[in-house]
C-alpha cells in the first residue's frame, strides 16, 4: 500500500483555517496550484458525496467531513498518470487540523493501492505545494 504524509504550521487560529478549507468546492486558498474547480453533481461542498474536478483532470469525491474534529477525507476517483483509475485503487486523502499555541498544524496524508512509488512521488509534490499555498493565503 502506498502512502504520503505532509504537514505545515500556519500562524492563524484553527477556526479561521477550517473555515477557509472546509468547503470541498472552494480551493481559493491554493491559487498557485489549483487553476480550476468544476463542481460535479448538486451536493454542496460540505456534504458527503460532493464531487469536483480539479484542473480538468483530478476527479475527486468528498467522503467525510467532521466539523468537530476539523478533518475531512476524499477519494481520487480518476486522474492523470500515475494516479489514474487504471494505475491506483482505493485512493483516500485526509486533511486534519490541530490547534497549536502558535496557530494551526495542518496534516495532509493519503493512502492507496498499486503504483506505490510513482504515485507517492507525484502526490507528495502536489500536497507540499498545496500546503505552501495554504500557508501563504491564510497567515496574516
N, C-alpha and C. Protein backbone atom coordinates (compact mmCIF):
# COMPACT_ATOMS: atom_id res chain seq x y z
N UNK A 1 0.85 -1.19 0.00
CA UNK A 1 0.00 0.00 0.00
C UNK A 1 0.88 1.24 0.00
N UNK A 2 0.57 2.19 -0.86
CA UNK A 2 1.30 3.44 -0.91
C UNK A 2 0.74 4.45 0.07
N UNK A 3 1.58 5.41 0.44
CA UNK A 3 1.13 6.47 1.34
C UNK A 3 2.05 7.67 1.21
N UNK A 4 1.53 8.81 1.63
CA UNK A 4 2.32 10.02 1.71
C UNK A 4 1.79 10.85 2.87
N UNK A 5 2.67 11.68 3.43
CA UNK A 5 2.32 12.48 4.60
C UNK A 5 3.08 13.80 4.52
N UNK A 6 2.37 14.89 4.70
CA UNK A 6 2.96 16.22 4.73
C UNK A 6 2.28 17.02 5.84
N UNK A 7 2.98 18.02 6.35
CA UNK A 7 2.35 18.89 7.35
C UNK A 7 2.96 20.28 7.26
N UNK A 8 2.21 21.23 7.77
CA UNK A 8 2.67 22.61 7.82
C UNK A 8 2.04 23.27 9.04
N UNK A 9 2.73 24.24 9.60
CA UNK A 9 2.17 25.04 10.68
C UNK A 9 1.80 26.40 10.11
N UNK A 10 0.57 26.81 10.38
CA UNK A 10 0.06 28.09 9.91
C UNK A 10 -0.20 28.98 11.12
N UNK A 11 0.36 30.16 11.10
CA UNK A 11 0.16 31.10 12.21
C UNK A 11 -1.18 31.80 12.04
N UNK A 12 -2.24 31.03 12.28
CA UNK A 12 -3.61 31.54 12.22
C UNK A 12 -4.46 30.62 13.10
N UNK A 13 -5.55 31.15 13.67
CA UNK A 13 -6.41 30.34 14.53
C UNK A 13 -7.03 29.17 13.77
N UNK A 14 -7.19 28.06 14.46
CA UNK A 14 -7.72 26.85 13.83
C UNK A 14 -9.10 27.08 13.20
N UNK A 15 -9.96 27.87 13.85
CA UNK A 15 -11.30 28.11 13.30
C UNK A 15 -11.22 28.88 11.98
N UNK A 16 -10.28 29.80 11.87
CA UNK A 16 -10.11 30.56 10.62
C UNK A 16 -9.61 29.66 9.49
N UNK A 17 -8.66 28.78 9.82
CA UNK A 17 -8.13 27.86 8.81
C UNK A 17 -9.23 26.89 8.37
N UNK A 18 -9.96 26.34 9.33
CA UNK A 18 -11.03 25.40 8.99
C UNK A 18 -12.10 26.06 8.13
N UNK A 19 -12.48 27.27 8.48
CA UNK A 19 -13.49 27.99 7.69
C UNK A 19 -13.04 28.15 6.25
N UNK A 20 -11.75 28.39 6.05
CA UNK A 20 -11.22 28.61 4.71
C UNK A 20 -11.14 27.34 3.87
N UNK A 21 -10.94 26.18 4.51
CA UNK A 21 -10.69 24.97 3.71
C UNK A 21 -11.80 23.93 3.75
N UNK A 22 -12.80 24.08 4.58
CA UNK A 22 -13.78 23.01 4.77
C UNK A 22 -14.73 22.81 3.59
N UNK A 23 -14.89 23.83 2.75
CA UNK A 23 -15.77 23.69 1.58
C UNK A 23 -14.99 22.99 0.46
N UNK A 24 -15.36 21.77 0.17
CA UNK A 24 -14.68 20.93 -0.82
C UNK A 24 -14.64 21.58 -2.20
N UNK A 25 -15.58 22.47 -2.48
CA UNK A 25 -15.65 23.12 -3.78
C UNK A 25 -14.84 24.42 -3.86
N UNK A 26 -14.31 24.88 -2.75
CA UNK A 26 -13.59 26.16 -2.71
C UNK A 26 -12.12 25.94 -2.39
N UNK A 27 -11.29 26.08 -3.40
CA UNK A 27 -9.84 25.99 -3.21
C UNK A 27 -9.19 27.32 -3.54
N UNK A 28 -9.88 28.40 -3.23
CA UNK A 28 -9.34 29.74 -3.49
C UNK A 28 -8.08 30.01 -2.69
N UNK A 29 -7.85 29.21 -1.65
CA UNK A 29 -6.64 29.34 -0.83
C UNK A 29 -5.42 28.74 -1.53
N UNK A 30 -5.59 28.13 -2.69
CA UNK A 30 -4.48 27.49 -3.42
C UNK A 30 -4.35 28.04 -4.84
N UNK A 31 -4.21 29.36 -4.99
CA UNK A 31 -4.25 29.95 -6.34
C UNK A 31 -3.07 29.57 -7.23
N UNK A 32 -1.96 29.14 -6.66
CA UNK A 32 -0.80 28.78 -7.47
C UNK A 32 -0.79 27.32 -7.88
N UNK A 33 -1.73 26.53 -7.35
CA UNK A 33 -1.77 25.10 -7.64
C UNK A 33 -3.06 24.73 -8.37
N UNK A 34 -4.18 25.25 -7.91
CA UNK A 34 -5.48 24.89 -8.48
C UNK A 34 -5.95 26.01 -9.41
N UNK A 35 -6.01 25.69 -10.70
CA UNK A 35 -6.41 26.69 -11.68
C UNK A 35 -7.90 26.64 -12.00
N UNK A 36 -8.54 25.48 -11.73
CA UNK A 36 -9.98 25.39 -11.96
C UNK A 36 -10.58 24.31 -11.06
N UNK A 37 -11.81 24.58 -10.63
CA UNK A 37 -12.60 23.61 -9.86
C UNK A 37 -13.96 23.52 -10.54
N UNK A 38 -14.25 22.36 -11.10
CA UNK A 38 -15.56 22.13 -11.71
C UNK A 38 -16.36 21.26 -10.76
N UNK A 39 -17.52 21.77 -10.34
CA UNK A 39 -18.38 21.04 -9.42
C UNK A 39 -19.12 19.95 -10.19
N UNK A 40 -19.14 18.75 -9.62
CA UNK A 40 -19.82 17.61 -10.22
C UNK A 40 -21.02 17.27 -9.35
N UNK A 41 -22.20 17.25 -9.92
CA UNK A 41 -23.40 16.93 -9.17
C UNK A 41 -23.95 18.15 -8.45
N UNK A 42 -24.93 17.91 -7.59
CA UNK A 42 -25.64 19.00 -6.93
C UNK A 42 -25.36 19.11 -5.45
N UNK A 43 -24.50 18.24 -4.91
CA UNK A 43 -24.23 18.29 -3.47
C UNK A 43 -23.34 19.48 -3.15
N UNK A 44 -23.67 20.22 -2.08
CA UNK A 44 -22.81 21.32 -1.66
C UNK A 44 -21.46 20.80 -1.17
N UNK A 45 -20.46 21.66 -1.13
CA UNK A 45 -19.10 21.29 -0.80
C UNK A 45 -18.87 20.87 0.63
N UNK A 46 -19.90 20.89 1.47
CA UNK A 46 -19.73 20.42 2.84
C UNK A 46 -20.58 19.17 3.12
N UNK A 47 -20.99 18.49 2.06
CA UNK A 47 -21.81 17.27 2.21
C UNK A 47 -21.12 16.07 1.60
N UNK A 48 -21.18 14.96 2.31
CA UNK A 48 -20.62 13.70 1.82
C UNK A 48 -21.14 13.43 0.41
N UNK A 49 -20.24 13.05 -0.47
CA UNK A 49 -20.61 12.76 -1.85
C UNK A 49 -20.42 13.92 -2.80
N UNK A 50 -20.04 15.10 -2.26
CA UNK A 50 -19.77 16.25 -3.14
C UNK A 50 -18.64 15.87 -4.09
N UNK A 51 -18.79 16.23 -5.34
CA UNK A 51 -17.79 15.89 -6.34
C UNK A 51 -17.17 17.12 -6.96
N UNK A 52 -15.93 16.95 -7.43
CA UNK A 52 -15.24 18.05 -8.10
C UNK A 52 -14.23 17.47 -9.08
N UNK A 53 -13.86 18.32 -10.04
CA UNK A 53 -12.75 18.02 -10.94
C UNK A 53 -11.79 19.18 -10.83
N UNK A 54 -10.57 18.89 -10.38
CA UNK A 54 -9.55 19.94 -10.22
C UNK A 54 -8.66 20.00 -11.45
N UNK A 55 -8.44 21.21 -11.92
CA UNK A 55 -7.55 21.46 -13.05
C UNK A 55 -7.89 20.59 -14.26
N UNK A 56 -9.16 20.21 -14.37
CA UNK A 56 -9.64 19.45 -15.50
C UNK A 56 -9.24 17.98 -15.51
N UNK A 57 -8.51 17.49 -14.48
CA UNK A 57 -8.01 16.12 -14.54
C UNK A 57 -8.19 15.28 -13.27
N UNK A 58 -8.29 15.90 -12.10
CA UNK A 58 -8.42 15.14 -10.86
C UNK A 58 -9.90 15.05 -10.49
N UNK A 59 -10.48 13.85 -10.60
CA UNK A 59 -11.88 13.61 -10.26
C UNK A 59 -11.90 13.13 -8.81
N UNK A 60 -12.53 13.91 -7.94
CA UNK A 60 -12.48 13.63 -6.51
C UNK A 60 -13.88 13.68 -5.89
N UNK A 61 -14.05 12.94 -4.80
CA UNK A 61 -15.32 12.88 -4.09
C UNK A 61 -15.06 13.04 -2.60
N UNK A 62 -15.84 13.93 -1.96
CA UNK A 62 -15.76 14.11 -0.51
C UNK A 62 -16.38 12.88 0.16
N UNK A 63 -15.63 12.24 1.03
CA UNK A 63 -16.10 11.03 1.72
C UNK A 63 -16.61 11.33 3.13
N UNK A 64 -15.90 12.17 3.87
CA UNK A 64 -16.33 12.54 5.22
C UNK A 64 -15.95 13.99 5.47
N UNK A 65 -16.70 14.64 6.33
CA UNK A 65 -16.37 15.98 6.81
C UNK A 65 -16.81 16.05 8.27
N UNK A 66 -15.87 16.35 9.15
CA UNK A 66 -16.12 16.37 10.58
C UNK A 66 -15.76 17.75 11.12
N UNK A 67 -16.79 18.58 11.35
CA UNK A 67 -16.54 19.94 11.85
C UNK A 67 -15.96 19.94 13.26
N UNK A 68 -16.41 19.01 14.10
CA UNK A 68 -15.88 18.96 15.47
C UNK A 68 -14.40 18.58 15.46
N UNK A 69 -14.05 17.57 14.68
CA UNK A 69 -12.67 17.10 14.61
C UNK A 69 -11.81 17.87 13.63
N UNK A 70 -12.44 18.77 12.88
CA UNK A 70 -11.75 19.59 11.88
C UNK A 70 -10.91 18.72 10.95
N UNK A 71 -11.60 17.79 10.29
CA UNK A 71 -10.94 16.89 9.35
C UNK A 71 -11.92 16.51 8.24
N UNK A 72 -11.37 16.17 7.08
CA UNK A 72 -12.19 15.60 6.02
C UNK A 72 -11.36 14.58 5.26
N UNK A 73 -12.08 13.66 4.61
CA UNK A 73 -11.44 12.69 3.73
C UNK A 73 -12.10 12.76 2.36
N UNK A 74 -11.35 12.34 1.36
CA UNK A 74 -11.84 12.36 -0.01
C UNK A 74 -11.17 11.24 -0.78
N UNK A 75 -11.76 10.89 -1.90
CA UNK A 75 -11.15 9.90 -2.78
C UNK A 75 -10.74 10.58 -4.08
N UNK A 76 -9.68 10.07 -4.67
CA UNK A 76 -9.37 10.42 -6.06
C UNK A 76 -9.92 9.26 -6.87
N UNK A 77 -10.92 9.55 -7.69
CA UNK A 77 -11.60 8.53 -8.47
C UNK A 77 -10.95 8.31 -9.83
N UNK A 78 -10.28 9.34 -10.32
CA UNK A 78 -9.52 9.25 -11.55
C UNK A 78 -8.62 10.47 -11.64
N UNK A 79 -7.59 10.37 -12.42
CA UNK A 79 -6.66 11.47 -12.57
C UNK A 79 -5.62 11.15 -13.61
N UNK A 80 -4.64 12.02 -13.73
CA UNK A 80 -3.58 11.76 -14.70
C UNK A 80 -2.64 10.67 -14.17
N UNK A 81 -1.86 10.13 -15.05
CA UNK A 81 -0.84 9.17 -14.61
C UNK A 81 0.12 9.89 -13.67
N UNK A 82 0.48 9.31 -12.58
CA UNK A 82 0.37 7.92 -12.15
C UNK A 82 -0.78 7.63 -11.19
N UNK A 83 -1.79 8.50 -11.12
CA UNK A 83 -2.92 8.25 -10.21
C UNK A 83 -4.23 8.01 -10.97
N UNK A 84 -4.13 7.57 -12.20
CA UNK A 84 -5.35 7.27 -12.96
C UNK A 84 -6.03 6.06 -12.35
N UNK A 85 -7.31 5.91 -12.67
CA UNK A 85 -8.07 4.77 -12.13
C UNK A 85 -7.53 3.44 -12.61
N UNK A 86 -6.77 3.43 -13.70
CA UNK A 86 -6.16 2.21 -14.20
C UNK A 86 -4.85 1.88 -13.48
N UNK A 87 -4.29 2.86 -12.74
CA UNK A 87 -2.99 2.67 -12.10
C UNK A 87 -3.04 2.56 -10.58
N UNK A 88 -4.03 3.17 -9.95
CA UNK A 88 -4.18 3.09 -8.49
C UNK A 88 -5.62 2.75 -8.15
N UNK A 89 -5.81 2.23 -6.95
CA UNK A 89 -7.17 1.96 -6.46
C UNK A 89 -7.24 2.35 -5.00
N UNK A 90 -8.44 2.57 -4.54
CA UNK A 90 -8.71 2.90 -3.13
C UNK A 90 -7.89 4.08 -2.64
N UNK A 91 -7.81 5.14 -3.43
CA UNK A 91 -7.06 6.33 -3.03
C UNK A 91 -7.92 7.15 -2.06
N UNK A 92 -7.41 7.35 -0.86
CA UNK A 92 -8.11 8.15 0.15
C UNK A 92 -7.14 9.19 0.70
N UNK A 93 -7.52 10.45 0.58
CA UNK A 93 -6.76 11.55 1.16
C UNK A 93 -7.43 12.04 2.43
N UNK A 94 -6.62 12.56 3.34
CA UNK A 94 -7.17 13.06 4.61
C UNK A 94 -6.47 14.36 4.98
N UNK A 95 -7.26 15.36 5.34
CA UNK A 95 -6.74 16.63 5.84
C UNK A 95 -7.24 16.78 7.27
N UNK A 96 -6.31 17.05 8.19
CA UNK A 96 -6.62 17.15 9.61
C UNK A 96 -5.98 18.41 10.17
N UNK A 97 -6.76 19.19 10.91
CA UNK A 97 -6.24 20.38 11.58
C UNK A 97 -6.09 20.10 13.06
N UNK A 98 -5.04 20.68 13.65
CA UNK A 98 -4.80 20.53 15.08
C UNK A 98 -4.40 21.88 15.65
N UNK A 99 -5.04 22.26 16.75
CA UNK A 99 -4.72 23.52 17.43
C UNK A 99 -3.32 23.44 18.03
N UNK A 100 -2.58 24.54 17.85
CA UNK A 100 -1.26 24.67 18.48
C UNK A 100 -1.22 26.04 19.14
N UNK A 101 -0.34 26.21 20.10
CA UNK A 101 -0.23 27.50 20.79
C UNK A 101 0.13 28.62 19.82
N UNK A 102 0.86 28.28 18.76
CA UNK A 102 1.30 29.29 17.79
C UNK A 102 0.42 29.36 16.56
N UNK A 103 -0.65 28.59 16.51
CA UNK A 103 -1.54 28.61 15.36
C UNK A 103 -2.19 27.27 15.11
N UNK A 104 -2.05 26.77 13.87
CA UNK A 104 -2.72 25.54 13.46
C UNK A 104 -1.74 24.64 12.72
N UNK A 105 -1.74 23.39 13.10
CA UNK A 105 -0.97 22.37 12.37
C UNK A 105 -1.92 21.73 11.38
N UNK A 106 -1.51 21.67 10.11
CA UNK A 106 -2.31 21.03 9.07
C UNK A 106 -1.55 19.80 8.59
N UNK A 107 -2.21 18.67 8.68
CA UNK A 107 -1.63 17.40 8.25
C UNK A 107 -2.40 16.93 7.01
N UNK A 108 -1.68 16.59 5.95
CA UNK A 108 -2.30 16.08 4.73
C UNK A 108 -1.68 14.73 4.44
N UNK A 109 -2.47 13.69 4.46
CA UNK A 109 -1.95 12.35 4.22
C UNK A 109 -2.85 11.64 3.23
N UNK A 110 -2.32 10.58 2.64
CA UNK A 110 -3.13 9.79 1.73
C UNK A 110 -2.58 8.37 1.65
N UNK A 111 -3.47 7.46 1.29
CA UNK A 111 -3.10 6.06 1.09
C UNK A 111 -3.79 5.56 -0.18
N UNK A 112 -3.22 4.51 -0.79
CA UNK A 112 -3.78 3.94 -2.00
C UNK A 112 -3.17 2.56 -2.21
N UNK A 113 -3.75 1.83 -3.15
CA UNK A 113 -3.20 0.54 -3.55
C UNK A 113 -2.63 0.67 -4.97
N UNK A 114 -1.56 -0.05 -5.21
CA UNK A 114 -0.93 -0.14 -6.53
C UNK A 114 -0.11 1.11 -6.87
N UNK A 115 0.84 0.94 -7.77
CA UNK A 115 1.66 2.03 -8.29
C UNK A 115 2.26 2.89 -7.19
N UNK A 116 2.74 2.23 -6.13
CA UNK A 116 3.11 2.90 -4.89
C UNK A 116 4.13 4.03 -5.05
N UNK A 117 5.30 3.74 -5.58
CA UNK A 117 6.37 4.74 -5.62
C UNK A 117 6.07 5.89 -6.56
N UNK A 118 5.57 5.60 -7.75
CA UNK A 118 5.28 6.67 -8.72
C UNK A 118 4.18 7.59 -8.19
N UNK A 119 3.14 7.02 -7.61
CA UNK A 119 2.05 7.84 -7.06
C UNK A 119 2.54 8.65 -5.87
N UNK A 120 3.39 8.06 -5.02
CA UNK A 120 3.90 8.78 -3.85
C UNK A 120 4.70 10.01 -4.28
N UNK A 121 5.61 9.85 -5.21
CA UNK A 121 6.42 10.99 -5.67
C UNK A 121 5.54 12.07 -6.27
N UNK A 122 4.57 11.67 -7.08
CA UNK A 122 3.67 12.61 -7.74
C UNK A 122 2.82 13.38 -6.71
N UNK A 123 2.19 12.64 -5.80
CA UNK A 123 1.29 13.26 -4.83
C UNK A 123 2.04 14.10 -3.80
N UNK A 124 3.19 13.63 -3.37
CA UNK A 124 3.94 14.38 -2.36
C UNK A 124 4.21 15.81 -2.84
N UNK A 125 4.68 15.96 -4.04
CA UNK A 125 4.96 17.31 -4.57
C UNK A 125 3.73 18.19 -4.64
N UNK A 126 2.62 17.61 -5.04
CA UNK A 126 1.37 18.39 -5.14
C UNK A 126 0.92 18.83 -3.75
N UNK A 127 0.97 17.93 -2.77
CA UNK A 127 0.50 18.28 -1.43
C UNK A 127 1.41 19.29 -0.75
N UNK A 128 2.71 19.20 -0.99
CA UNK A 128 3.63 20.22 -0.46
C UNK A 128 3.27 21.58 -1.05
N UNK A 129 3.02 21.64 -2.35
CA UNK A 129 2.65 22.90 -2.99
C UNK A 129 1.31 23.42 -2.46
N UNK A 130 0.34 22.54 -2.26
CA UNK A 130 -0.95 22.95 -1.70
C UNK A 130 -0.80 23.52 -0.29
N UNK A 131 -0.03 22.85 0.54
CA UNK A 131 0.18 23.34 1.90
C UNK A 131 0.93 24.67 1.92
N UNK A 132 1.89 24.84 1.02
CA UNK A 132 2.59 26.13 0.93
C UNK A 132 1.65 27.25 0.54
N UNK A 133 0.76 26.97 -0.44
CA UNK A 133 -0.25 27.96 -0.83
C UNK A 133 -1.18 28.27 0.32
N UNK A 134 -1.60 27.22 1.05
CA UNK A 134 -2.50 27.41 2.18
C UNK A 134 -1.84 28.33 3.21
N UNK A 135 -0.61 28.08 3.51
CA UNK A 135 0.12 28.89 4.49
C UNK A 135 0.20 30.35 4.02
N UNK A 136 0.59 30.56 2.78
CA UNK A 136 0.71 31.92 2.24
C UNK A 136 -0.63 32.64 2.23
N UNK A 137 -1.70 31.91 1.90
CA UNK A 137 -3.03 32.53 1.79
C UNK A 137 -3.66 32.84 3.14
N UNK A 138 -3.38 32.01 4.14
CA UNK A 138 -4.13 32.12 5.40
C UNK A 138 -3.38 32.78 6.55
N UNK A 139 -2.08 32.91 6.43
CA UNK A 139 -1.36 33.61 7.50
C UNK A 139 -1.57 35.10 7.36
N UNK A 140 -1.72 35.79 8.50
CA UNK A 140 -1.93 37.24 8.45
C UNK A 140 -0.68 37.97 7.97
